[in-house]
PDB file of N, CA and C in Angstrom:
ATOM      1  N   MET A   1     128.655  88.940 -42.655  1.00  0.00           N
ATOM      2  CA  MET A   1     128.208  87.936 -41.651  1.00  0.00           C
ATOM      3  C   MET A   1     127.239  88.195 -40.071  1.00  0.00           C
ATOM      4  N   ASN A   2     127.818  89.761 -39.909  1.00  0.00           N
ATOM      5  CA  ASN A   2     127.039  90.316 -38.619  1.00  0.00           C
ATOM      6  C   ASN A   2     126.319  91.072 -39.083  1.00  0.00           C
ATOM      7  N   LEU A   3     125.649  91.491 -39.809  1.00  0.00           N
ATOM      8  CA  LEU A   3     124.370  91.915 -41.106  1.00  0.00           C
ATOM      9  C   LEU A   3     123.608  91.131 -40.892  1.00  0.00           C
ATOM     10  N   ILE A   4     123.737  89.280 -41.287  1.00  0.00           N
ATOM     11  CA  ILE A   4     123.177  88.321 -41.093  1.00  0.00           C
ATOM     12  C   ILE A   4     122.575  88.266 -39.811  1.00  0.00           C
ATOM     13  N   LYS A   5     123.220  88.173 -38.860  1.00  0.00           N
ATOM     14  CA  LYS A   5     122.796  87.589 -36.982  1.00  0.00           C
ATOM     15  C   LYS A   5     122.136  89.209 -36.578  1.00  0.00           C
ATOM     16  N   ASN A   6     122.051  89.732 -36.820  1.00  0.00           N
ATOM     17  CA  ASN A   6     121.445  91.104 -36.620  1.00  0.00           C
ATOM     18  C   ASN A   6     120.150  91.368 -36.761  1.00  0.00           C
ATOM     19  N   ILE A   7     119.963  91.233 -38.406  1.00  0.00           N
ATOM     20  CA  ILE A   7     119.292  91.239 -39.125  1.00  0.00           C
ATOM     21  C   ILE A   7     118.486  90.090 -38.498  1.00  0.00           C
ATOM     22  N   SER A   8     118.929  88.900 -38.291  1.00  0.00           N
ATOM     23  CA  SER A   8     117.991  87.412 -37.909  1.00  0.00           C
ATOM     24  C   SER A   8     117.382  87.600 -36.562  1.00  0.00           C
ATOM     25  N   LEU A   9     118.319  88.480 -35.506  1.00  0.00           N
ATOM     26  CA  LEU A   9     118.027  88.793 -34.151  1.00  0.00           C
ATOM     27  C   LEU A   9     116.739  89.729 -34.286  1.00  0.00           C
ATOM     28  N   LEU A  10     117.138  90.710 -35.443  1.00  0.00           N
ATOM     29  CA  LEU A  10     115.648  91.690 -34.924  1.00  0.00           C
ATOM     30  C   LEU A  10     114.689  90.936 -35.177  1.00  0.00           C
ATOM     31  N   PHE A  11     114.786  89.759 -36.548  1.00  0.00           N
ATOM     32  CA  PHE A  11     113.261  88.927 -37.354  1.00  0.00           C
ATOM     33  C   PHE A  11     112.927  88.612 -36.267  1.00  0.00           C
ATOM     34  N   CYS A  12     113.768  88.138 -35.286  1.00  0.00           N
ATOM     35  CA  CYS A  12     113.073  87.294 -34.242  1.00  0.00           C
ATOM     36  C   CYS A  12     112.627  87.893 -32.883  1.00  0.00           C
ATOM     37  N   LEU A  13     112.759  88.854 -32.543  1.00  0.00           N
ATOM     38  CA  LEU A  13     112.606  89.587 -31.741  1.00  0.00           C
ATOM     39  C   LEU A  13     111.175  90.269 -32.107  1.00  0.00           C
ATOM     40  N   SER A  14     111.162  90.824 -33.291  1.00  0.00           N
ATOM     41  CA  SER A  14     109.952  91.354 -33.638  1.00  0.00           C
ATOM     42  C   SER A  14     108.348  90.515 -33.438  1.00  0.00           C
ATOM     43  N   PHE A  15     109.249  88.960 -33.650  1.00  0.00           N
ATOM     44  CA  PHE A  15     107.907  87.940 -32.655  1.00  0.00           C
ATOM     45  C   PHE A  15     107.556  88.576 -31.493  1.00  0.00           C
ATOM     46  N   LEU A  16     108.518  88.801 -30.878  1.00  0.00           N
ATOM     47  CA  LEU A  16     108.301  88.472 -29.578  1.00  0.00           C
ATOM     48  C   LEU A  16     107.534  89.782 -28.626  1.00  0.00           C
ATOM     49  N   PHE A  17     107.760  90.802 -29.168  1.00  0.00           N
ATOM     50  CA  PHE A  17     107.119  92.256 -29.051  1.00  0.00           C
ATOM     51  C   PHE A  17     106.116  92.957 -30.062  1.00  0.00           C
ATOM     52  N   ALA A  18     105.786  91.612 -30.863  1.00  0.00           N
ATOM     53  CA  ALA A  18     104.090  91.589 -31.659  1.00  0.00           C
ATOM     54  C   ALA A  18     103.062  91.742 -30.363  1.00  0.00           C
ATOM     55  N   GLY A  19     102.500  92.525 -30.836  1.00  0.00           N
ATOM     56  CA  GLY A  19     100.954  92.297 -30.353  1.00  0.00           C
ATOM     57  C   GLY A  19      99.980  92.194 -30.289  1.00  0.00           C
ATOM     58  N   ASN A  20      99.782  91.354 -31.364  1.00  0.00           N
ATOM     59  CA  ASN A  20      98.406  90.970 -32.114  1.00  0.00           C
ATOM     60  C   ASN A  20      97.838  90.142 -31.479  1.00  0.00           C
ATOM     61  N   ILE A  21      96.495  90.238 -30.873  1.00  0.00           N
ATOM     62  CA  ILE A  21      95.667  89.077 -30.420  1.00  0.00           C
ATOM     63  C   ILE A  21      94.664  88.922 -31.162  1.00  0.00           C
ATOM     64  N   THR A  22      93.869  87.667 -31.318  1.00  0.00           N
ATOM     65  CA  THR A  22      92.549  87.388 -31.937  1.00  0.00           C
ATOM     66  C   THR A  22      92.003  86.970 -30.797  1.00  0.00           C
ATOM     67  N   GLU A  23      90.548  87.457 -30.159  1.00  0.00           N
ATOM     68  CA  GLU A  23      89.463  86.728 -29.536  1.00  0.00           C
ATOM     69  C   GLU A  23      88.548  86.649 -30.337  1.00  0.00           C
ATOM     70  N   LEU A  24      87.349  85.982 -29.911  1.00  0.00           N
ATOM     71  CA  LEU A  24      86.015  85.653 -30.280  1.00  0.00           C
ATOM     72  C   LEU A  24      84.968  86.016 -29.321  1.00  0.00           C
ATOM     73  N   TYR A  25      84.239  86.669 -29.508  1.00  0.00           N
ATOM     74  CA  TYR A  25      82.832  87.532 -28.417  1.00  0.00           C
ATOM     75  C   TYR A  25      81.434  86.792 -29.450  1.00  0.00           C
ATOM     76  N   LYS A  26      80.985  86.358 -28.917  1.00  0.00           N
ATOM     77  CA  LYS A  26      78.915  86.475 -29.133  1.00  0.00           C
ATOM     78  C   LYS A  26      78.652  87.816 -28.420  1.00  0.00           C
ATOM     79  N   VAL A  27      77.693  88.017 -29.566  1.00  0.00           N
ATOM     80  CA  VAL A  27      76.889  89.420 -29.280  1.00  0.00           C
ATOM     81  C   VAL A  27      75.640  89.067 -29.931  1.00  0.00           C
ATOM     82  N   ASP A  28      74.801  89.023 -28.363  1.00  0.00           N
ATOM     83  CA  ASP A  28      73.423  89.153 -28.573  1.00  0.00           C
ATOM     84  C   ASP A  28      72.913  90.202 -28.791  1.00  0.00           C
ATOM     85  N   GLY A  29      71.292  90.314 -29.459  1.00  0.00           N
ATOM     86  CA  GLY A  29      70.618  91.241 -29.478  1.00  0.00           C
ATOM     87  C   GLY A  29      70.738  91.862 -30.709  1.00  0.00           C
ATOM     88  N   MET A  30      71.716  91.249 -31.928  1.00  0.00           N
ATOM     89  CA  MET A  30      71.598  91.526 -33.465  1.00  0.00           C
ATOM     90  C   MET A  30      70.191  91.330 -34.314  1.00  0.00           C
ATOM     91  N   HIS A  31      69.616  91.924 -34.910  1.00  0.00           N
ATOM     92  CA  HIS A  31      68.360  91.733 -35.138  1.00  0.00           C
ATOM     93  C   HIS A  31      68.676  91.438 -37.145  1.00  0.00           C
ATOM     94  N   CYS A  32      69.303  91.468 -37.925  1.00  0.00           N
ATOM     95  CA  CYS A  32      69.695  91.335 -39.036  1.00  0.00           C
ATOM     96  C   CYS A  32      71.406  91.900 -39.640  1.00  0.00           C
ATOM     97  N   GLN A  33      71.168  91.531 -40.822  1.00  0.00           N
ATOM     98  CA  GLN A  33      72.924  91.162 -40.838  1.00  0.00           C
ATOM     99  C   GLN A  33      72.931  92.658 -41.010  1.00  0.00           C
ATOM    100  N   TYR A  34      72.593  93.392 -42.533  1.00  0.00           N
ATOM    101  CA  TYR A  34      72.929  94.803 -42.938  1.00  0.00           C
ATOM    102  C   TYR A  34      72.976  95.588 -41.668  1.00  0.00           C
ATOM    103  N   GLY A  35      71.644  96.133 -40.961  1.00  0.00           N
ATOM    104  CA  GLY A  35      71.747  96.917 -39.996  1.00  0.00           C
ATOM    105  C   GLY A  35      72.518  96.665 -38.321  1.00  0.00           C
ATOM    106  N   CYS A  36      72.596  95.715 -38.316  1.00  0.00           N
ATOM    107  CA  CYS A  36      73.090  95.131 -36.789  1.00  0.00           C
ATOM    108  C   CYS A  36      74.776  94.666 -37.339  1.00  0.00           C
ATOM    109  N   ALA A  37      75.036  93.516 -37.517  1.00  0.00           N
ATOM    110  CA  ALA A  37      76.203  93.210 -37.992  1.00  0.00           C
ATOM    111  C   ALA A  37      77.289  93.917 -38.794  1.00  0.00           C
ATOM    112  N   ASN A  38      76.499  94.959 -39.628  1.00  0.00           N
ATOM    113  CA  ASN A  38      77.744  95.696 -40.673  1.00  0.00           C
ATOM    114  C   ASN A  38      77.773  96.599 -39.560  1.00  0.00           C
ATOM    115  N   LYS A  39      76.924  97.314 -38.514  1.00  0.00           N
ATOM    116  CA  LYS A  39      76.791  98.302 -37.862  1.00  0.00           C
ATOM    117  C   LYS A  39      78.561  97.795 -36.577  1.00  0.00           C
ATOM    118  N   VAL A  40      77.812  97.357 -35.912  1.00  0.00           N
ATOM    119  CA  VAL A  40      79.100  96.914 -35.378  1.00  0.00           C
ATOM    120  C   VAL A  40      80.970  96.375 -35.768  1.00  0.00           C
ATOM    121  N   GLN A  41      80.410  95.402 -37.029  1.00  0.00           N
ATOM    122  CA  GLN A  41      81.573  95.590 -37.218  1.00  0.00           C
ATOM    123  C   GLN A  41      82.392  96.528 -37.943  1.00  0.00           C
ATOM    124  N   SER A  42      81.237  97.712 -38.421  1.00  0.00           N
ATOM    125  CA  SER A  42      81.840  98.803 -39.406  1.00  0.00           C
ATOM    126  C   SER A  42      82.013  99.883 -37.909  1.00  0.00           C
ATOM    127  N   MET A  43      81.940 100.017 -36.517  1.00  0.00           N
ATOM    128  CA  MET A  43      82.115 100.511 -35.455  1.00  0.00           C
ATOM    129  C   MET A  43      83.534 100.086 -35.205  1.00  0.00           C
ATOM    130  N   VAL A  44      83.864  99.139 -34.921  1.00  0.00           N
ATOM    131  CA  VAL A  44      84.477  98.452 -34.575  1.00  0.00           C
ATOM    132  C   VAL A  44      86.206  98.482 -35.194  1.00  0.00           C
ATOM    133  N   SER A  45      85.953  98.051 -36.487  1.00  0.00           N
ATOM    134  CA  SER A  45      87.254  98.433 -37.271  1.00  0.00           C
ATOM    135  C   SER A  45      87.884  99.679 -37.485  1.00  0.00           C
ATOM    136  N   LYS A  46      86.783 100.583 -37.614  1.00  0.00           N
ATOM    137  CA  LYS A  46      87.480 101.928 -37.394  1.00  0.00           C
ATOM    138  C   LYS A  46      88.187 102.862 -36.149  1.00  0.00           C
ATOM    139  N   LEU A  47      88.299 101.215 -35.244  1.00  0.00           N
ATOM    140  CA  LEU A  47      89.456 102.056 -34.201  1.00  0.00           C
ATOM    141  C   LEU A  47      90.766 101.731 -34.542  1.00  0.00           C
ATOM    142  N   ASP A  48      91.463 102.447 -33.773  1.00  0.00           N
ATOM    143  CA  ASP A  48      92.763 102.476 -34.037  1.00  0.00           C
ATOM    144  C   ASP A  48      93.086 101.186 -33.493  1.00  0.00           C
ATOM    145  N   GLY A  49      94.174 100.440 -33.534  1.00  0.00           N
ATOM    146  CA  GLY A  49      94.667  99.328 -33.068  1.00  0.00           C
ATOM    147  C   GLY A  49      94.030  98.116 -33.387  1.00  0.00           C
ATOM    148  N   ILE A  50      92.984  98.279 -34.419  1.00  0.00           N
ATOM    149  CA  ILE A  50      92.664  97.204 -34.672  1.00  0.00           C
ATOM    150  C   ILE A  50      93.001  96.678 -36.145  1.00  0.00           C
ATOM    151  N   LYS A  51      92.998  95.472 -35.883  1.00  0.00           N
ATOM    152  CA  LYS A  51      93.815  95.008 -37.443  1.00  0.00           C
ATOM    153  C   LYS A  51      92.429  94.307 -38.813  1.00  0.00           C
ATOM    154  N   LYS A  52      91.510  93.762 -37.675  1.00  0.00           N
ATOM    155  CA  LYS A  52      90.843  92.975 -37.955  1.00  0.00           C
ATOM    156  C   LYS A  52      89.656  92.759 -37.681  1.00  0.00           C
ATOM    157  N   CYS A  53      88.207  93.071 -38.203  1.00  0.00           N
ATOM    158  CA  CYS A  53      87.234  92.410 -37.346  1.00  0.00           C
ATOM    159  C   CYS A  53      85.570  92.105 -38.217  1.00  0.00           C
ATOM    160  N   GLU A  54      85.275  90.561 -37.946  1.00  0.00           N
ATOM    161  CA  GLU A  54      84.230  90.048 -38.635  1.00  0.00           C
ATOM    162  C   GLU A  54      83.599  89.634 -37.693  1.00  0.00           C
ATOM    163  N   VAL A  55      82.049  90.188 -38.323  1.00  0.00           N
ATOM    164  CA  VAL A  55      80.840  89.733 -37.620  1.00  0.00           C
ATOM    165  C   VAL A  55      79.657  89.222 -38.179  1.00  0.00           C
ATOM    166  N   ASP A  56      79.670  87.687 -37.726  1.00  0.00           N
ATOM    167  CA  ASP A  56      78.988  86.591 -38.601  1.00  0.00           C
ATOM    168  C   ASP A  56      77.474  87.189 -37.356  1.00  0.00           C
ATOM    169  N   PHE A  57      76.548  87.417 -38.532  1.00  0.00           N
ATOM    170  CA  PHE A  57      75.338  87.118 -37.946  1.00  0.00           C
ATOM    171  C   PHE A  57      74.542  86.353 -37.410  1.00  0.00           C
ATOM    172  N   GLU A  58      74.637  85.140 -38.469  1.00  0.00           N
ATOM    173  CA  GLU A  58      74.355  83.856 -38.059  1.00  0.00           C
ATOM    174  C   GLU A  58      74.115  83.365 -37.148  1.00  0.00           C
ATOM    175  N   SER A  59      75.302  83.070 -36.904  1.00  0.00           N
ATOM    176  CA  SER A  59      75.953  82.869 -35.751  1.00  0.00           C
ATOM    177  C   SER A  59      76.188  83.426 -34.372  1.00  0.00           C
ATOM    178  N   SER A  60      76.054  85.051 -34.411  1.00  0.00           N
ATOM    179  CA  SER A  60      76.176  86.115 -33.590  1.00  0.00           C
ATOM    180  C   SER A  60      77.434  86.196 -33.333  1.00  0.00           C
ATOM    181  N   LEU A  61      78.152  85.994 -34.057  1.00  0.00           N
ATOM    182  CA  LEU A  61      79.804  85.850 -33.624  1.00  0.00           C
ATOM    183  C   LEU A  61      80.684  87.006 -33.584  1.00  0.00           C
ATOM    184  N   MET A  62      81.515  87.721 -33.088  1.00  0.00           N
ATOM    185  CA  MET A  62      82.454  88.629 -33.643  1.00  0.00           C
ATOM    186  C   MET A  62      83.735  88.303 -33.534  1.00  0.00           C
ATOM    187  N   THR A  63      85.085  87.825 -34.221  1.00  0.00           N
ATOM    188  CA  THR A  63      86.151  87.839 -34.322  1.00  0.00           C
ATOM    189  C   THR A  63      86.625  88.997 -34.471  1.00  0.00           C
ATOM    190  N   VAL A  64      87.269  89.361 -33.280  1.00  0.00           N
ATOM    191  CA  VAL A  64      88.465  90.285 -33.471  1.00  0.00           C
ATOM    192  C   VAL A  64      90.072  90.431 -33.523  1.00  0.00           C
ATOM    193  N   GLU A  65      90.733  91.294 -34.311  1.00  0.00           N
ATOM    194  CA  GLU A  65      91.717  90.811 -33.983  1.00  0.00           C
ATOM    195  C   GLU A  65      92.601  92.344 -34.078  1.00  0.00           C
ATOM    196  N   TYR A  66      93.729  92.244 -32.724  1.00  0.00           N
ATOM    197  CA  TYR A  66      93.931  93.969 -32.073  1.00  0.00           C
ATOM    198  C   TYR A  66      95.371  93.602 -31.906  1.00  0.00           C
ATOM    199  N   ASP A  67      95.726  94.986 -32.299  1.00  0.00           N
ATOM    200  CA  ASP A  67      97.400  95.176 -31.528  1.00  0.00           C
ATOM    201  C   ASP A  67      97.180  95.672 -29.950  1.00  0.00           C
ATOM    202  N   LYS A  68      97.353  94.564 -29.128  1.00  0.00           N
ATOM    203  CA  LYS A  68      97.014  94.992 -27.694  1.00  0.00           C
ATOM    204  C   LYS A  68      98.100  96.362 -27.125  1.00  0.00           C
ATOM    205  N   ASN A  69      99.078  96.499 -27.995  1.00  0.00           N
ATOM    206  CA  ASN A  69      99.747  97.832 -27.298  1.00  0.00           C
ATOM    207  C   ASN A  69      98.985  98.973 -27.320  1.00  0.00           C
ATOM    208  N   MET A  70      98.348  98.977 -28.621  1.00  0.00           N
ATOM    209  CA  MET A  70      97.468  99.960 -28.983  1.00  0.00           C
ATOM    210  C   MET A  70      96.412 100.313 -28.158  1.00  0.00           C
ATOM    211  N   ILE A  71      95.576  99.145 -28.076  1.00  0.00           N
ATOM    212  CA  ILE A  71      94.137  99.047 -27.888  1.00  0.00           C
ATOM    213  C   ILE A  71      93.616  97.661 -26.887  1.00  0.00           C
ATOM    214  N   ASN A  72      92.736  97.966 -25.756  1.00  0.00           N
ATOM    215  CA  ASN A  72      92.439  96.898 -25.147  1.00  0.00           C
ATOM    216  C   ASN A  72      90.816  96.336 -25.635  1.00  0.00           C
ATOM    217  N   SER A  73      90.696  94.700 -25.282  1.00  0.00           N
ATOM    218  CA  SER A  73      89.420  94.712 -25.429  1.00  0.00           C
ATOM    219  C   SER A  73      88.325  95.318 -24.943  1.00  0.00           C
ATOM    220  N   GLU A  74      88.209  96.014 -23.715  1.00  0.00           N
ATOM    221  CA  GLU A  74      87.237  96.987 -22.804  1.00  0.00           C
ATOM    222  C   GLU A  74      87.412  97.915 -23.890  1.00  0.00           C
ATOM    223  N   SER A  75      88.003  98.726 -24.516  1.00  0.00           N
ATOM    224  CA  SER A  75      87.628  99.893 -25.112  1.00  0.00           C
ATOM    225  C   SER A  75      86.813  99.558 -26.682  1.00  0.00           C
ATOM    226  N   PHE A  76      87.054  98.054 -27.218  1.00  0.00           N
ATOM    227  CA  PHE A  76      85.868  98.306 -28.385  1.00  0.00           C
ATOM    228  C   PHE A  76      84.867  97.546 -27.695  1.00  0.00           C
ATOM    229  N   LEU A  77      84.754  97.015 -26.792  1.00  0.00           N
ATOM    230  CA  LEU A  77      83.684  96.414 -26.412  1.00  0.00           C
ATOM    231  C   LEU A  77      82.729  97.472 -25.515  1.00  0.00           C
ATOM    232  N   SER A  78      83.266  98.336 -25.024  1.00  0.00           N
ATOM    233  CA  SER A  78      82.554  99.706 -24.942  1.00  0.00           C
ATOM    234  C   SER A  78      81.918 100.794 -25.686  1.00  0.00           C
ATOM    235  N   VAL A  79      82.557 100.706 -26.609  1.00  0.00           N
ATOM    236  CA  VAL A  79      82.133 101.032 -28.153  1.00  0.00           C
ATOM    237  C   VAL A  79      80.680 100.335 -28.000  1.00  0.00           C
ATOM    238  N   ILE A  80      81.036  99.429 -28.827  1.00  0.00           N
ATOM    239  CA  ILE A  80      79.682  98.662 -29.259  1.00  0.00           C
ATOM    240  C   ILE A  80      78.825  98.952 -27.949  1.00  0.00           C
ATOM    241  N   ALA A  81      78.858  98.762 -26.550  1.00  0.00           N
ATOM    242  CA  ALA A  81      77.775  98.976 -25.194  1.00  0.00           C
ATOM    243  C   ALA A  81      77.387 100.891 -25.511  1.00  0.00           C
ATOM    244  N   ASP A  82      78.231 101.724 -25.727  1.00  0.00           N
ATOM    245  CA  ASP A  82      78.079 102.961 -25.519  1.00  0.00           C
ATOM    246  C   ASP A  82      77.289 103.331 -26.965  1.00  0.00           C
ATOM    247  N   ASN A  83      76.887 102.252 -28.196  1.00  0.00           N
ATOM    248  CA  ASN A  83      76.081 102.777 -29.091  1.00  0.00           C
ATOM    249  C   ASN A  83      75.292 102.203 -29.308  1.00  0.00           C
ATOM    250  N   THR A  84      74.870 100.405 -29.046  1.00  0.00           N
ATOM    251  CA  THR A  84      74.305  99.983 -29.462  1.00  0.00           C
ATOM    252  C   THR A  84      73.218  99.181 -28.052  1.00  0.00           C
ATOM    253  N   THR A  85      72.764  98.336 -27.941  1.00  0.00           N
ATOM    254  CA  THR A  85      71.723  97.468 -27.326  1.00  0.00           C
ATOM    255  C   THR A  85      72.415  96.105 -27.146  1.00  0.00           C
ATOM    256  N   TYR A  86      73.456  95.660 -27.983  1.00  0.00           N
ATOM    257  CA  TYR A  86      74.195  94.225 -28.071  1.00  0.00           C
ATOM    258  C   TYR A  86      74.622  94.149 -26.833  1.00  0.00           C
ATOM    259  N   LYS A  87      74.694  92.919 -26.213  1.00  0.00           N
ATOM    260  CA  LYS A  87      75.316  92.595 -25.012  1.00  0.00           C
ATOM    261  C   LYS A  87      76.768  91.218 -25.513  1.00  0.00           C
ATOM    262  N   THR A  88      77.910  92.056 -25.156  1.00  0.00           N
ATOM    263  CA  THR A  88      78.744  91.075 -25.706  1.00  0.00           C
ATOM    264  C   THR A  88      79.707  90.216 -24.738  1.00  0.00           C
ATOM    265  N   GLU A  89      80.164  89.003 -25.300  1.00  0.00           N
ATOM    266  CA  GLU A  89      80.743  87.954 -24.139  1.00  0.00           C
ATOM    267  C   GLU A  89      82.224  87.384 -24.847  1.00  0.00           C
ATOM    268  N   LYS A  90      83.017  87.588 -23.867  1.00  0.00           N
ATOM    269  CA  LYS A  90      84.334  86.850 -24.141  1.00  0.00           C
ATOM    270  C   LYS A  90      84.085  85.109 -24.726  1.00  0.00           C
ATOM    271  N   VAL A  91      84.067  84.429 -25.739  1.00  0.00           N
ATOM    272  CA  VAL A  91      84.110  83.035 -25.716  1.00  0.00           C
ATOM    273  C   VAL A  91      85.616  82.784 -25.477  1.00  0.00           C
ATOM    274  N   ASN A  92      85.870  82.101 -24.480  1.00  0.00           N
ATOM    275  CA  ASN A  92      86.959  81.171 -23.665  1.00  0.00           C
ATOM    276  C   ASN A  92      86.924  80.329 -24.257  1.00  0.00           C
ATOM    277  N   ASN A  93      86.081  79.253 -24.854  1.00  0.00           N
ATOM    278  CA  ASN A  93      86.014  78.056 -25.083  1.00  0.00           C
ATOM    279  C   ASN A  93      85.184  77.667 -26.231  1.00  0.00           C
ATOM    280  N   LYS A  94      85.569  77.521 -27.404  1.00  0.00           N
ATOM    281  CA  LYS A  94      84.223  77.385 -28.523  1.00  0.00           C
ATOM    282  C   LYS A  94      83.428  75.954 -28.228  1.00  0.00           C
ATOM    283  N   ASP A  95      84.052  75.077 -27.449  1.00  0.00           N
ATOM    284  CA  ASP A  95      83.101  74.010 -27.026  1.00  0.00           C
ATOM    285  C   ASP A  95      81.425  74.598 -26.253  1.00  0.00           C
ATOM    286  N   ASP A  96      81.630  76.083 -25.580  1.00  0.00           N
ATOM    287  CA  ASP A  96      80.836  76.629 -24.695  1.00  0.00           C
ATOM    288  C   ASP A  96      79.605  76.977 -26.000  1.00  0.00           C
ATOM    289  N   LEU A  97      80.191  77.613 -27.006  1.00  0.00           N
ATOM    290  CA  LEU A  97      78.745  77.758 -27.948  1.00  0.00           C
ATOM    291  C   LEU A  97      77.542  76.761 -28.023  1.00  0.00           C
ATOM    292  N   ASN A  98      78.247  75.787 -28.126  1.00  0.00           N
ATOM    293  CA  ASN A  98      77.360  74.672 -28.149  1.00  0.00           C
ATOM    294  C   ASN A  98      76.002  74.191 -27.607  1.00  0.00           C
ATOM    295  N   LYS A  99      76.727  74.418 -26.134  1.00  0.00           N
ATOM    296  CA  LYS A  99      75.691  74.313 -24.552  1.00  0.00           C
ATOM    297  C   LYS A  99      74.828  76.028 -24.475  1.00  0.00           C
ATOM    298  N   LYS A 100      73.411  75.239 -24.596  1.00  0.00           N
ATOM    299  CA  LYS A 100      72.437  75.994 -24.351  1.00  0.00           C
ATOM    300  C   LYS A 100      71.633  75.977 -22.740  1.00  0.00           C
ATOM    301  N   SER A 101      71.561  77.269 -22.798  1.00  0.00           N
ATOM    302  CA  SER A 101      70.857  77.531 -21.084  1.00  0.00           C
ATOM    303  C   SER A 101      69.623  76.608 -20.956  1.00  0.00           C
ATOM    304  N   PHE A 102      69.267  76.587 -20.133  1.00  0.00           N
ATOM    305  CA  PHE A 102      68.179  75.851 -19.373  1.00  0.00           C
ATOM    306  C   PHE A 102      67.041  76.287 -19.934  1.00  0.00           C
ATOM    307  N   TRP A 103      67.144  77.414 -19.963  1.00  0.00           N
ATOM    308  CA  TRP A 103      65.542  78.152 -20.495  1.00  0.00           C
ATOM    309  C   TRP A 103      65.848  78.724 -21.820  1.00  0.00           C
ATOM    310  N   ASP A 104      66.911  77.854 -22.729  1.00  0.00           N
ATOM    311  CA  ASP A 104      66.948  77.681 -24.023  1.00  0.00           C
ATOM    312  C   ASP A 104      66.627  76.586 -24.619  1.00  0.00           C
ATOM    313  N   ARG A 105      66.617  75.083 -23.960  1.00  0.00           N
ATOM    314  CA  ARG A 105      66.244  74.239 -23.968  1.00  0.00           C
ATOM    315  C   ARG A 105      64.603  73.940 -23.406  1.00  0.00           C
ATOM    316  N   LEU A 106      64.129  74.597 -22.894  1.00  0.00           N
ATOM    317  CA  LEU A 106      62.664  74.635 -22.225  1.00  0.00           C
ATOM    318  C   LEU A 106      61.866  75.545 -23.630  1.00  0.00           C
ATOM    319  N   LYS A 107      62.538  76.263 -24.208  1.00  0.00           N
ATOM    320  CA  LYS A 107      61.635  76.857 -25.019  1.00  0.00           C
ATOM    321  C   LYS A 107      61.555  76.287 -26.357  1.00  0.00           C
ATOM    322  N   LYS A 108      62.465  75.539 -26.612  1.00  0.00           N
ATOM    323  CA  LYS A 108      62.583  74.461 -27.791  1.00  0.00           C
ATOM    324  C   LYS A 108      61.225  73.073 -27.291  1.00  0.00           C
ATOM    325  N   VAL A 109      61.110  73.304 -25.905  1.00  0.00           N
ATOM    326  CA  VAL A 109      60.116  72.062 -25.559  1.00  0.00           C
ATOM    327  C   VAL A 109      59.018  72.545 -25.753  1.00  0.00           C
ATOM    328  N   PHE A 110      58.665  73.558 -25.325  1.00  0.00           N
ATOM    329  CA  PHE A 110      57.024  74.164 -25.180  1.00  0.00           C
ATOM    330  C   PHE A 110      56.517  75.322 -26.027  1.00  0.00           C
ATOM    331  N   GLY A 111      58.161  75.513 -27.407  1.00  0.00           N
ATOM    332  CA  GLY A 111      58.149  76.154 -28.171  1.00  0.00           C
ATOM    333  C   GLY A 111      57.752  77.641 -28.114  1.00  0.00           C
TER     334      GLY A 111
END
């Protein structure tokens, strides 16, 4: 009975100390799926502590799941900045993705 309690306690504590975080980033400046989006995905995926990285060229979004105990977001964002010309920005609220800047709306009006 004691063994079952200890195993249960260990299982519960493992969730408390698990350091996996999933974050969403906007990646501006990519021109194609194969040379750009795949390059970013490959660079980030190779880093220690990265569990999963997916880059969607169409939406210019990168989803990164990582272990915060092994790597931080500044580390993988600096790898992108040092090896590409792309600009990354954390998406805090998915509703922000639908908001366009004044200049983007103006471009639509004037072509």
